[in-house]
N, C-alpha and C. Protein backbone atom coordinates (compact mmCIF):
# COMPACT_ATOMS: atom_id res chain seq x y z
N MET A 1 37.69 -8.41 79.90
CA MET A 1 38.78 -7.54 80.13
C MET A 1 39.18 -6.86 81.14
N GLY A 2 38.26 -6.40 82.06
CA GLY A 2 38.32 -5.74 83.25
C GLY A 2 39.14 -6.45 84.27
N GLY A 3 39.03 -7.75 84.21
CA GLY A 3 39.81 -8.60 85.34
C GLY A 3 41.41 -8.42 84.64
N TYR A 4 41.67 -8.19 83.61
CA TYR A 4 43.01 -8.10 83.08
C TYR A 4 43.46 -7.01 83.68
N ARG A 5 42.81 -5.91 83.44
CA ARG A 5 43.36 -4.48 84.04
C ARG A 5 43.63 -4.68 85.72
N GLY A 6 42.80 -5.15 86.24
CA GLY A 6 42.82 -5.63 87.67
C GLY A 6 44.24 -6.34 87.94
N ALA A 7 44.33 -7.28 87.13
CA ALA A 7 45.60 -8.22 87.58
C ALA A 7 46.81 -7.34 87.24
N ARG A 8 46.84 -6.57 86.06
CA ARG A 8 47.99 -5.64 86.04
C ARG A 8 48.20 -4.84 87.10
N ALA A 9 47.25 -4.09 87.67
CA ALA A 9 47.48 -3.34 88.85
C ALA A 9 48.11 -4.11 89.97
N LEU A 10 47.65 -5.32 90.25
CA LEU A 10 47.87 -6.02 91.42
C LEU A 10 49.49 -6.30 91.12
N VAL A 11 49.98 -6.69 90.12
CA VAL A 11 51.35 -7.21 89.91
C VAL A 11 52.00 -5.86 90.04
N ALA A 12 51.81 -4.86 89.49
CA ALA A 12 52.51 -3.66 89.75
C ALA A 12 52.72 -3.12 91.10
N GLU A 13 51.76 -3.45 91.99
CA GLU A 13 51.67 -3.03 93.47
C GLU A 13 52.67 -3.96 94.11
N LEU A 14 52.53 -5.35 93.62
CA LEU A 14 53.59 -6.17 94.27
C LEU A 14 54.92 -5.64 94.13
N ALA A 15 55.39 -5.29 92.96
CA ALA A 15 56.66 -4.95 92.79
C ALA A 15 56.74 -3.60 93.51
N ASP A 16 55.98 -2.59 93.33
CA ASP A 16 56.30 -1.14 93.83
C ASP A 16 54.95 -0.41 93.61
N ALA A 17 54.30 0.13 94.76
CA ALA A 17 53.17 0.81 94.31
C ALA A 17 53.32 1.86 93.36
N ARG A 18 54.45 2.45 93.31
CA ARG A 18 54.67 3.67 92.43
C ARG A 18 54.67 3.34 90.85
N LEU A 19 54.68 1.98 90.59
CA LEU A 19 54.59 1.51 89.34
C LEU A 19 53.36 1.05 88.60
N SER A 20 52.33 1.24 89.70
CA SER A 20 50.99 0.92 89.11
C SER A 20 50.71 1.69 88.00
N GLY A 21 50.11 1.34 87.00
CA GLY A 21 49.79 1.61 85.64
C GLY A 21 50.92 1.83 84.68
N ALA A 22 52.01 1.09 84.96
CA ALA A 22 53.20 1.03 84.00
C ALA A 22 52.75 0.39 82.74
N VAL A 23 53.17 0.77 81.76
CA VAL A 23 52.78 0.06 80.44
C VAL A 23 53.52 -1.29 80.19
N CYS A 24 54.49 -1.56 80.93
CA CYS A 24 55.38 -2.87 80.95
C CYS A 24 54.81 -4.01 81.52
N VAL A 25 53.86 -3.68 82.54
CA VAL A 25 53.22 -4.85 83.31
C VAL A 25 52.76 -5.79 82.32
N GLY A 26 53.06 -7.07 82.32
CA GLY A 26 52.70 -8.03 81.54
C GLY A 26 53.25 -8.07 80.28
N CYS A 27 54.33 -7.42 79.75
CA CYS A 27 54.70 -7.53 78.65
C CYS A 27 56.24 -8.11 78.56
N ALA A 28 56.61 -8.89 79.65
CA ALA A 28 57.85 -9.49 79.37
C ALA A 28 57.83 -10.50 78.24
N PRO A 29 58.87 -10.77 77.69
CA PRO A 29 60.27 -10.52 77.84
C PRO A 29 60.70 -9.30 77.32
N PHE A 30 59.99 -8.37 76.76
CA PHE A 30 60.40 -7.18 76.11
C PHE A 30 61.57 -6.26 76.82
N PHE A 31 61.45 -6.35 78.22
CA PHE A 31 61.96 -5.52 79.38
C PHE A 31 63.01 -6.31 80.06
N ASP A 32 63.42 -7.48 79.85
CA ASP A 32 64.25 -8.43 80.48
C ASP A 32 65.72 -7.95 79.76
N GLU A 33 66.81 -8.34 80.66
CA GLU A 33 68.14 -7.80 80.32
C GLU A 33 68.57 -9.01 79.23
N VAL A 34 68.17 -10.32 79.52
CA VAL A 34 68.58 -11.47 78.65
C VAL A 34 67.42 -12.25 78.35
N VAL A 35 67.28 -12.86 76.82
CA VAL A 35 66.32 -13.62 76.59
C VAL A 35 67.15 -14.91 75.88
N PRO A 36 67.28 -16.02 76.61
CA PRO A 36 67.96 -17.09 75.92
C PRO A 36 67.91 -17.46 74.82
N GLY A 37 68.71 -17.62 74.01
CA GLY A 37 68.73 -18.03 72.38
C GLY A 37 68.49 -16.77 71.69
N GLU A 38 68.37 -15.63 71.96
CA GLU A 38 68.10 -14.47 71.14
C GLU A 38 69.42 -13.96 70.45
N SER A 39 69.08 -13.66 69.12
CA SER A 39 70.42 -13.09 68.35
C SER A 39 70.57 -11.74 68.70
N SER A 40 71.69 -11.29 68.35
CA SER A 40 71.91 -9.77 68.81
C SER A 40 71.09 -8.90 67.97
N GLU A 41 70.62 -9.15 66.67
CA GLU A 41 69.89 -8.36 66.06
C GLU A 41 68.43 -8.32 66.89
N ALA A 42 67.92 -9.47 67.03
CA ALA A 42 66.66 -9.72 67.77
C ALA A 42 66.47 -9.04 69.38
N ARG A 43 67.77 -9.11 69.79
CA ARG A 43 67.86 -8.15 71.03
C ARG A 43 67.64 -6.67 70.78
N ILE A 44 68.65 -6.19 69.70
CA ILE A 44 68.58 -4.79 69.54
C ILE A 44 66.77 -4.37 69.22
N ASP A 45 66.06 -5.27 68.48
CA ASP A 45 64.69 -4.98 67.96
C ASP A 45 63.83 -4.98 69.24
N ARG A 46 64.16 -6.09 70.24
CA ARG A 46 63.22 -6.02 71.49
C ARG A 46 63.53 -4.89 72.26
N VAL A 47 64.77 -4.48 72.63
CA VAL A 47 64.94 -3.46 73.44
C VAL A 47 64.38 -2.12 72.96
N THR A 48 64.47 -1.95 71.66
CA THR A 48 64.08 -0.65 70.90
C THR A 48 62.57 -0.59 71.10
N VAL A 49 61.83 -1.73 71.01
CA VAL A 49 60.28 -1.55 71.31
C VAL A 49 60.21 -1.48 72.72
N ALA A 50 60.69 -1.93 73.87
CA ALA A 50 60.72 -1.90 75.13
C ALA A 50 61.08 -0.16 75.40
N GLU A 51 61.95 0.37 75.00
CA GLU A 51 62.29 1.80 74.95
C GLU A 51 61.14 2.84 74.43
N ARG A 52 60.65 2.40 73.36
CA ARG A 52 59.54 3.15 72.91
C ARG A 52 58.32 3.19 73.67
N LEU A 53 58.07 1.85 74.31
CA LEU A 53 56.81 1.58 75.17
C LEU A 53 57.15 2.45 76.53
N CYS A 54 58.42 2.62 77.02
CA CYS A 54 58.68 3.46 78.21
C CYS A 54 58.32 5.00 77.83
N SER A 55 58.89 5.35 76.61
CA SER A 55 58.70 6.76 76.20
C SER A 55 57.35 7.45 76.56
N ALA A 56 56.25 6.59 76.36
CA ALA A 56 54.85 6.96 76.69
C ALA A 56 54.28 6.53 77.96
N CYS A 57 55.09 5.90 78.88
CA CYS A 57 54.47 5.46 80.13
C CYS A 57 54.39 6.48 81.15
N PRO A 58 53.10 6.35 81.84
CA PRO A 58 52.75 7.37 82.91
C PRO A 58 53.39 7.58 84.04
N VAL A 59 54.27 6.42 84.25
CA VAL A 59 54.83 6.24 85.48
C VAL A 59 56.45 6.40 85.25
N ARG A 60 57.00 6.90 84.27
CA ARG A 60 58.16 6.96 83.74
C ARG A 60 59.17 7.30 84.73
N ALA A 61 58.84 8.50 85.34
CA ALA A 61 59.86 9.27 86.48
C ALA A 61 59.75 8.62 87.56
N ALA A 62 58.75 7.50 88.03
CA ALA A 62 58.57 6.74 89.25
C ALA A 62 59.45 5.60 89.01
N CYS A 63 59.30 4.99 87.50
CA CYS A 63 60.28 3.92 87.33
C CYS A 63 61.72 4.14 87.37
N ASP A 64 62.08 5.38 86.91
CA ASP A 64 63.62 5.83 87.04
C ASP A 64 64.07 5.68 88.52
N ALA A 65 63.09 6.47 89.38
CA ALA A 65 63.32 6.61 90.69
C ALA A 65 63.48 5.13 91.31
N VAL A 66 62.56 4.22 91.17
CA VAL A 66 62.85 2.82 91.76
C VAL A 66 63.86 2.22 91.15
N ALA A 67 64.50 2.20 89.88
CA ALA A 67 65.69 1.87 89.45
C ALA A 67 66.77 2.37 89.89
N ALA A 68 66.86 3.73 90.29
CA ALA A 68 67.87 4.15 90.86
C ALA A 68 68.04 3.78 92.21
N GLU A 69 66.89 3.62 93.13
CA GLU A 69 67.06 2.87 94.47
C GLU A 69 67.49 1.39 94.47
N LEU A 70 67.04 0.62 93.52
CA LEU A 70 67.41 -0.66 93.34
C LEU A 70 68.89 -0.87 92.90
N GLY A 71 69.44 0.21 92.23
CA GLY A 71 70.95 0.01 91.93
C GLY A 71 71.14 -1.10 90.92
N ARG A 72 72.07 -1.73 91.22
CA ARG A 72 72.67 -2.83 90.61
C ARG A 72 71.39 -4.18 90.37
N GLU A 73 70.77 -4.14 91.28
CA GLU A 73 69.63 -5.14 91.23
C GLU A 73 68.53 -4.85 90.08
N ALA A 74 68.40 -3.60 89.67
CA ALA A 74 67.59 -3.15 88.47
C ALA A 74 68.36 -3.65 87.16
N VAL A 75 67.70 -4.79 86.61
CA VAL A 75 68.38 -5.24 85.21
C VAL A 75 67.07 -5.25 84.25
N GLY A 76 67.63 -4.99 82.97
CA GLY A 76 66.65 -4.93 81.83
C GLY A 76 66.25 -3.41 81.50
N VAL A 77 65.26 -3.14 80.91
CA VAL A 77 64.96 -1.84 80.46
C VAL A 77 64.06 -1.45 81.58
N TRP A 78 64.50 -0.09 82.20
CA TRP A 78 63.81 0.52 83.38
C TRP A 78 63.80 1.99 82.92
N ALA A 79 62.61 2.60 82.55
CA ALA A 79 62.27 3.99 82.29
C ALA A 79 63.25 4.26 81.06
N GLY A 80 63.12 3.45 80.12
CA GLY A 80 63.68 3.76 78.77
C GLY A 80 64.98 3.40 78.67
N ARG A 81 65.58 3.03 79.50
CA ARG A 81 67.13 2.54 79.19
C ARG A 81 67.40 1.30 79.81
N MET A 82 68.50 0.64 79.28
CA MET A 82 68.96 -0.58 79.71
C MET A 82 69.50 -0.60 81.03
N CYS A 83 69.48 -1.29 82.02
CA CYS A 83 70.23 -1.29 83.33
C CYS A 83 70.79 -2.64 83.79
N GLY A 84 71.84 -2.69 84.24
CA GLY A 84 72.15 -3.87 84.62
C GLY A 84 73.13 -4.61 83.88
N GLU A 85 73.53 -3.95 82.82
CA GLU A 85 74.31 -4.55 81.84
C GLU A 85 75.75 -4.52 82.14
N LYS A 86 76.40 -5.45 81.79
CA LYS A 86 77.93 -5.48 82.20
C LYS A 86 78.69 -4.21 81.75
N GLY A 87 79.38 -3.72 82.63
CA GLY A 87 80.12 -2.45 82.25
C GLY A 87 79.26 -1.39 82.53
N GLN A 88 77.99 -1.30 82.75
CA GLN A 88 77.02 -0.08 82.84
C GLN A 88 76.87 0.28 84.26
N GLY A 89 77.20 1.42 84.56
CA GLY A 89 77.19 2.16 85.92
C GLY A 89 75.81 2.73 85.92
N ARG A 90 75.34 2.72 87.31
CA ARG A 90 73.93 3.30 87.35
C ARG A 90 74.17 4.27 88.66
């Protein structure tokens, strides 16, 4: 199991070192903007789970900062909220 933790840290560092330790690493598609074939109800449930995971994340503030820096490129759930949706400003 120690190798898995190392892989999670490596993936986070490849994205942005500030996100190392994020609870979302390895949990896609919970945090994705769109999952093909997903019903509206399933999407609401999935995004709710993602938002709950974010609420306890130790790097939530850094995630919010990275999402702000990415602007429109930040899609999916970031720092506990959906980003990149049609009509949603950031």
